[in-house]
Amino acid sequence: MKIFVKFLCMVLAVSLITFSPNFAGAGEVTGTVKFEGAVPKFREIKMDADPICLSKHGSKVFPDTLVLGEGNTMKNVFVYVKDGIFDNKFTPPAEPVVISQTGCMYEPHIIGLMVGQPLKILNPDGTLHNVHALSKVNPEFNLAMPKFRREATQVFGKPEFMFPLKCDVHPWMSAWISVMDNPFFAITGINGEFRISNLPKGNFHIVAWHEKLGTLSEDIVITGGNEEKINFVFSKP
C-alpha cells in the first residue's frame, strides 16, 4: 500500500508540472536575439560598503543591464506571445522558479513565471538582503532576509507584466519579474536563443522585451507542426 501511495504522489507531481495541454499539430517559434552597433560602457559596481559582498567577487562587477555573448548575442531578453492567445486556462507548474541573491546580485536577472507558481528566493550570501517587489497589480512586498534566513517563497495571484525587484540594502541589486497567465514565454541565455513550443494553429504576435532597449515584435502563423524562426536585432536608441 505504501508503495502504491508513493507512486500515486509521483504521478500527481508530474501532472502538476505538465501545465500546458498538448495541442494537435502544435508548432513552435525559435530564434536568436542580437545587439548591433557600438556597445555602451557601464560603470563598475562598487560594493565597498558591504565587505561580504565585495569578498564574493575576484574581479570587477558590472550591471546585468546589457549582457552580450559571442557575436553580440543578447542575454536577459524576455520573448513572449502577446496576442493570439486562446481562452484555455493553464495550470501553473508546482515547481518553483528560483532567484538567488548570489554575490549581492540577483541571478537570474529576468524572471518569468505563471500566476500561482511559487517564486523561491534564496540568500546564500551570509549578509542582510531586503527583497522589495515594486508590483502594482499584485500586492507589493518588502521582505527582510537576514543572513540566517536562507530561503523565502512568494506567490503572485494576478498576471502582471514586468515589475522591478530591488534590494533596499544594496541599491545596485535589481531584477525584473513578469507574471504570466500562460506558459508561452522564454528568456534568452548568453547565446541569445529562445524557443516557445506547443503553440496551436493560429496567428500569434511575438514580442521581445529588453529593460532598456524596449520591444521588437513580429507576427507568425502556426499552420500545424511547423517551426517559425525569428531573429530579433536590438540597437542603441
Protein backbone atom coordinates (compact mmCIF):
# COMPACT_ATOMS: atom_id res chain seq x y z
CA MET A 1 0.00 0.00 0.00
CA LYS A 2 2.83 2.42 0.88
CA ILE A 3 4.49 1.74 -2.48
CA PHE A 4 1.23 2.50 -4.29
CA VAL A 5 0.75 5.78 -2.38
CA LYS A 6 4.33 6.81 -3.18
CA PHE A 7 3.78 6.01 -6.86
CA LEU A 8 0.49 7.97 -6.87
CA CYS A 9 2.25 11.00 -5.35
CA MET A 10 4.88 10.84 -8.07
CA VAL A 11 2.20 10.74 -10.77
CA LEU A 12 0.40 13.71 -9.24
CA ALA A 13 3.64 15.69 -9.07
CA VAL A 14 4.35 15.05 -12.74
CA SER A 15 0.80 16.02 -13.70
CA LEU A 16 1.19 19.34 -11.88
CA ILE A 17 4.42 20.13 -13.71
CA THR A 18 2.81 19.37 -17.08
CA PHE A 19 0.89 22.63 -17.20
CA SER A 20 0.16 23.18 -20.91
CA PRO A 21 -2.15 20.96 -22.96
CA ASN A 22 -0.84 19.03 -25.94
CA PHE A 23 -2.43 20.68 -28.94
CA ALA A 24 -2.88 18.57 -32.06
CA GLY A 25 -0.41 19.71 -34.72
CA ALA A 26 1.30 22.09 -32.31
CA GLY A 27 4.17 24.19 -33.65
CA GLU A 28 6.85 26.39 -32.17
CA VAL A 29 8.73 29.62 -32.63
CA THR A 30 12.50 29.76 -32.23
CA GLY A 31 15.17 32.34 -32.86
CA THR A 32 18.08 34.41 -31.68
CA VAL A 33 18.33 37.91 -30.25
CA LYS A 34 21.37 40.06 -31.04
CA PHE A 35 22.66 43.57 -30.45
CA GLU A 36 24.17 45.70 -33.20
CA GLY A 37 26.13 48.94 -33.01
CA ALA A 38 28.56 50.39 -30.51
CA VAL A 39 28.31 48.61 -27.18
CA PRO A 40 27.70 51.08 -24.34
CA LYS A 41 30.09 51.07 -21.38
CA PHE A 42 28.68 50.61 -17.90
CA ARG A 43 30.11 51.93 -14.67
CA GLU A 44 31.65 49.37 -12.35
CA ILE A 45 29.53 48.44 -9.33
CA LYS A 46 31.26 49.48 -6.10
CA MET A 47 30.49 47.06 -3.26
CA ASP A 48 32.88 48.52 -0.69
CA ALA A 49 30.03 49.41 1.67
CA ASP A 50 29.46 45.71 2.36
CA PRO A 51 32.71 43.73 2.76
CA ILE A 52 30.81 40.44 2.47
CA CYS A 53 29.52 41.43 -0.99
CA LEU A 54 32.99 42.54 -2.02
CA SER A 55 34.53 39.25 -0.88
CA LYS A 56 32.30 37.26 -3.23
CA HIS A 57 33.99 38.62 -6.36
CA GLY A 58 37.53 38.28 -7.63
CA SER A 59 37.14 40.77 -10.46
CA LYS A 60 35.17 43.87 -11.38
CA VAL A 61 31.38 43.61 -11.39
CA PHE A 62 29.12 45.41 -13.85
CA PRO A 63 25.32 45.71 -14.10
CA ASP A 64 23.36 42.97 -15.88
CA THR A 65 21.59 45.60 -17.97
CA LEU A 66 23.20 44.50 -21.23
CA VAL A 67 24.94 41.13 -21.21
CA LEU A 68 26.36 40.03 -24.54
CA GLY A 69 27.74 36.71 -25.74
CA GLU A 70 29.84 35.77 -28.73
CA GLY A 71 28.69 37.65 -31.81
CA ASN A 72 26.79 40.14 -29.62
CA THR A 73 24.02 37.69 -28.78
CA MET A 74 21.84 39.10 -26.01
CA LYS A 75 21.11 37.54 -22.65
CA ASN A 76 18.11 38.56 -20.50
CA VAL A 77 15.61 39.26 -23.27
CA PHE A 78 12.04 38.21 -22.47
CA VAL A 79 10.26 36.76 -25.51
CA TYR A 80 6.55 36.06 -25.27
CA VAL A 81 3.28 35.64 -27.15
CA LYS A 82 1.39 38.90 -26.67
CA ASP A 83 -1.63 38.44 -28.94
CA GLY A 84 -3.33 35.35 -30.30
CA ILE A 85 -3.63 33.52 -27.01
CA PHE A 86 -6.79 31.46 -26.83
CA ASP A 87 -9.24 31.05 -23.98
CA ASN A 88 -7.58 27.99 -22.45
CA LYS A 89 -6.89 28.02 -18.73
CA PHE A 90 -3.41 26.83 -17.89
CA THR A 91 -2.41 25.13 -14.65
CA PRO A 92 0.81 26.60 -13.26
CA PRO A 93 3.67 24.23 -12.51
CA ALA A 94 4.15 23.24 -8.89
CA GLU A 95 7.91 23.52 -9.32
CA PRO A 96 9.06 26.97 -8.19
CA VAL A 97 11.07 29.48 -10.14
CA VAL A 98 14.24 30.21 -8.17
CA ILE A 99 16.02 33.54 -7.81
CA SER A 100 19.21 33.69 -5.77
CA GLN A 101 20.90 36.68 -4.17
CA THR A 102 24.36 35.45 -5.07
CA GLY A 103 27.34 37.72 -4.57
CA CYS A 104 24.89 40.54 -3.83
CA MET A 105 23.48 40.25 -7.35
CA TYR A 106 20.18 38.72 -8.46
CA GLU A 107 20.51 35.55 -10.51
CA PRO A 108 18.70 35.35 -12.83
CA HIS A 109 18.21 38.99 -13.72
CA ILE A 110 14.94 38.39 -15.61
CA ILE A 111 12.22 36.09 -14.30
CA GLY A 112 9.09 34.75 -15.94
CA LEU A 113 6.60 32.63 -14.04
CA MET A 114 2.90 31.86 -14.08
CA VAL A 115 0.11 33.05 -11.82
CA GLY A 116 0.09 30.76 -8.80
CA GLN A 117 3.58 29.39 -9.42
CA PRO A 118 5.89 29.74 -6.39
CA LEU A 119 8.87 32.09 -6.52
CA LYS A 120 11.62 30.74 -4.27
CA ILE A 121 14.06 33.42 -3.08
CA LEU A 122 17.45 32.27 -1.82
CA ASN A 123 20.02 34.10 0.28
CA PRO A 124 23.34 32.21 0.27
CA ASP A 125 25.43 35.35 0.84
CA GLY A 126 25.52 35.38 4.63
CA THR A 127 24.56 39.05 4.78
CA LEU A 128 21.38 41.08 5.12
CA HIS A 129 19.25 41.49 1.99
CA ASN A 130 15.89 43.20 1.60
CA VAL A 131 13.76 41.87 -1.26
CA HIS A 132 11.44 44.64 -2.41
CA ALA A 133 8.97 43.86 -5.22
CA LEU A 134 7.52 47.04 -6.77
CA SER A 135 4.43 45.38 -8.20
CA LYS A 136 1.29 47.38 -8.96
CA VAL A 137 -1.36 44.76 -9.76
CA ASN A 138 -0.17 42.23 -7.19
CA PRO A 139 0.42 43.32 -3.60
CA GLU A 140 3.81 44.96 -3.16
CA PHE A 141 6.06 43.17 -0.70
CA ASN A 142 9.17 44.21 1.19
CA LEU A 143 10.86 41.17 2.67
CA ALA A 144 13.82 41.34 5.04
CA MET A 145 16.22 38.41 4.68
CA PRO A 146 18.89 38.49 7.41
CA LYS A 147 21.92 36.25 6.96
CA PHE A 148 20.25 33.42 8.89
CA ARG A 149 17.17 33.44 6.62
CA ARG A 150 18.31 31.42 3.63
CA GLU A 151 15.00 30.92 1.83
CA ALA A 152 11.59 32.54 1.33
CA THR A 153 8.66 31.90 -1.00
CA GLN A 154 6.19 34.27 -2.65
CA VAL A 155 3.20 33.57 -4.92
CA PHE A 156 1.52 36.07 -7.25
CA GLY A 157 -2.24 35.85 -7.75
CA LYS A 158 -2.69 38.01 -10.85
CA PRO A 159 -0.97 38.49 -14.22
CA GLU A 160 1.40 41.45 -14.22
CA PHE A 161 3.96 42.30 -16.85
CA MET A 162 7.49 43.29 -15.85
CA PHE A 163 7.84 44.98 -12.49
CA PRO A 164 11.18 45.60 -10.76
CA LEU A 165 12.69 43.75 -7.84
CA LYS A 166 15.31 45.56 -5.78
CA CYS A 167 17.28 45.38 -2.56
CA ASP A 168 16.92 48.36 -0.24
CA VAL A 169 20.21 47.43 1.46
CA HIS A 170 22.30 47.15 -1.71
CA PRO A 171 20.97 49.72 -4.21
CA TRP A 172 22.78 48.22 -7.20
CA MET A 173 20.78 44.98 -6.96
CA SER A 174 17.92 44.81 -9.47
CA ALA A 175 15.87 42.23 -11.34
CA TRP A 176 12.62 42.12 -13.31
CA ILE A 177 9.62 39.80 -12.88
CA SER A 178 6.78 39.04 -15.27
CA VAL A 179 3.78 37.08 -14.01
CA MET A 180 2.01 35.38 -16.94
CA ASP A 181 -1.35 33.65 -17.32
CA ASN A 182 0.05 31.22 -19.90
CA PRO A 183 3.30 29.27 -20.44
CA PHE A 184 4.22 30.77 -23.81
CA PHE A 185 7.33 32.75 -22.97
CA ALA A 186 11.10 32.31 -22.88
CA ILE A 187 14.17 34.16 -21.61
CA THR A 188 17.34 34.22 -23.64
CA GLY A 189 20.61 32.89 -22.28
CA ILE A 190 24.07 34.11 -23.19
CA ASN A 191 23.71 32.54 -26.66
CA GLY A 192 20.69 34.77 -27.33
CA GLU A 193 18.48 31.83 -28.26
CA PHE A 194 14.82 31.29 -27.38
CA ARG A 195 12.20 28.62 -28.02
CA ILE A 196 8.45 28.73 -27.37
CA SER A 197 6.86 25.34 -28.01
CA ASN A 198 3.42 23.71 -28.13
CA LEU A 199 1.68 26.57 -29.94
CA PRO A 200 -1.64 25.54 -31.53
CA LYS A 201 -2.72 26.52 -35.02
CA GLY A 202 -3.33 30.25 -35.26
CA ASN A 203 -1.90 33.73 -35.71
CA PHE A 204 0.41 35.00 -32.99
CA HIS A 205 2.15 38.27 -32.16
CA ILE A 206 5.62 37.57 -30.76
CA VAL A 207 7.33 40.29 -28.70
CA ALA A 208 10.93 40.55 -27.48
CA TRP A 209 11.33 42.84 -24.44
CA HIS A 210 14.52 44.37 -23.05
CA GLU A 211 14.62 46.55 -19.96
CA LYS A 212 16.47 49.43 -21.65
CA LEU A 213 16.12 48.90 -25.39
CA GLY A 214 12.34 48.50 -25.50
CA THR A 215 10.49 45.96 -27.61
CA LEU A 216 10.62 44.35 -31.03
CA SER A 217 7.83 42.25 -32.46
CA GLU A 218 6.83 40.06 -35.35
CA ASP A 219 3.74 38.12 -36.40
CA ILE A 220 3.80 34.41 -37.14
CA VAL A 221 1.31 31.81 -38.33
CA ILE A 222 1.24 28.28 -36.98
CA THR A 223 -0.40 26.01 -39.54
CA GLY A 224 0.24 22.74 -37.75
CA GLY A 225 3.53 21.26 -36.63
CA ASN A 226 5.67 23.96 -38.24
CA GLU A 227 8.62 25.80 -36.73
CA GLU A 228 8.72 29.54 -37.29
CA LYS A 229 12.05 31.34 -36.88
CA ILE A 230 12.56 34.96 -35.83
CA ASN A 231 15.85 36.80 -35.45
CA PHE A 232 15.44 39.95 -33.39
CA VAL A 233 18.13 42.65 -33.60
CA PHE A 234 18.23 45.42 -30.99
CA SER A 235 20.28 48.58 -31.31
CA LYS A 236 21.03 51.52 -29.07
CA PRO A 237 18.40 54.28 -29.49
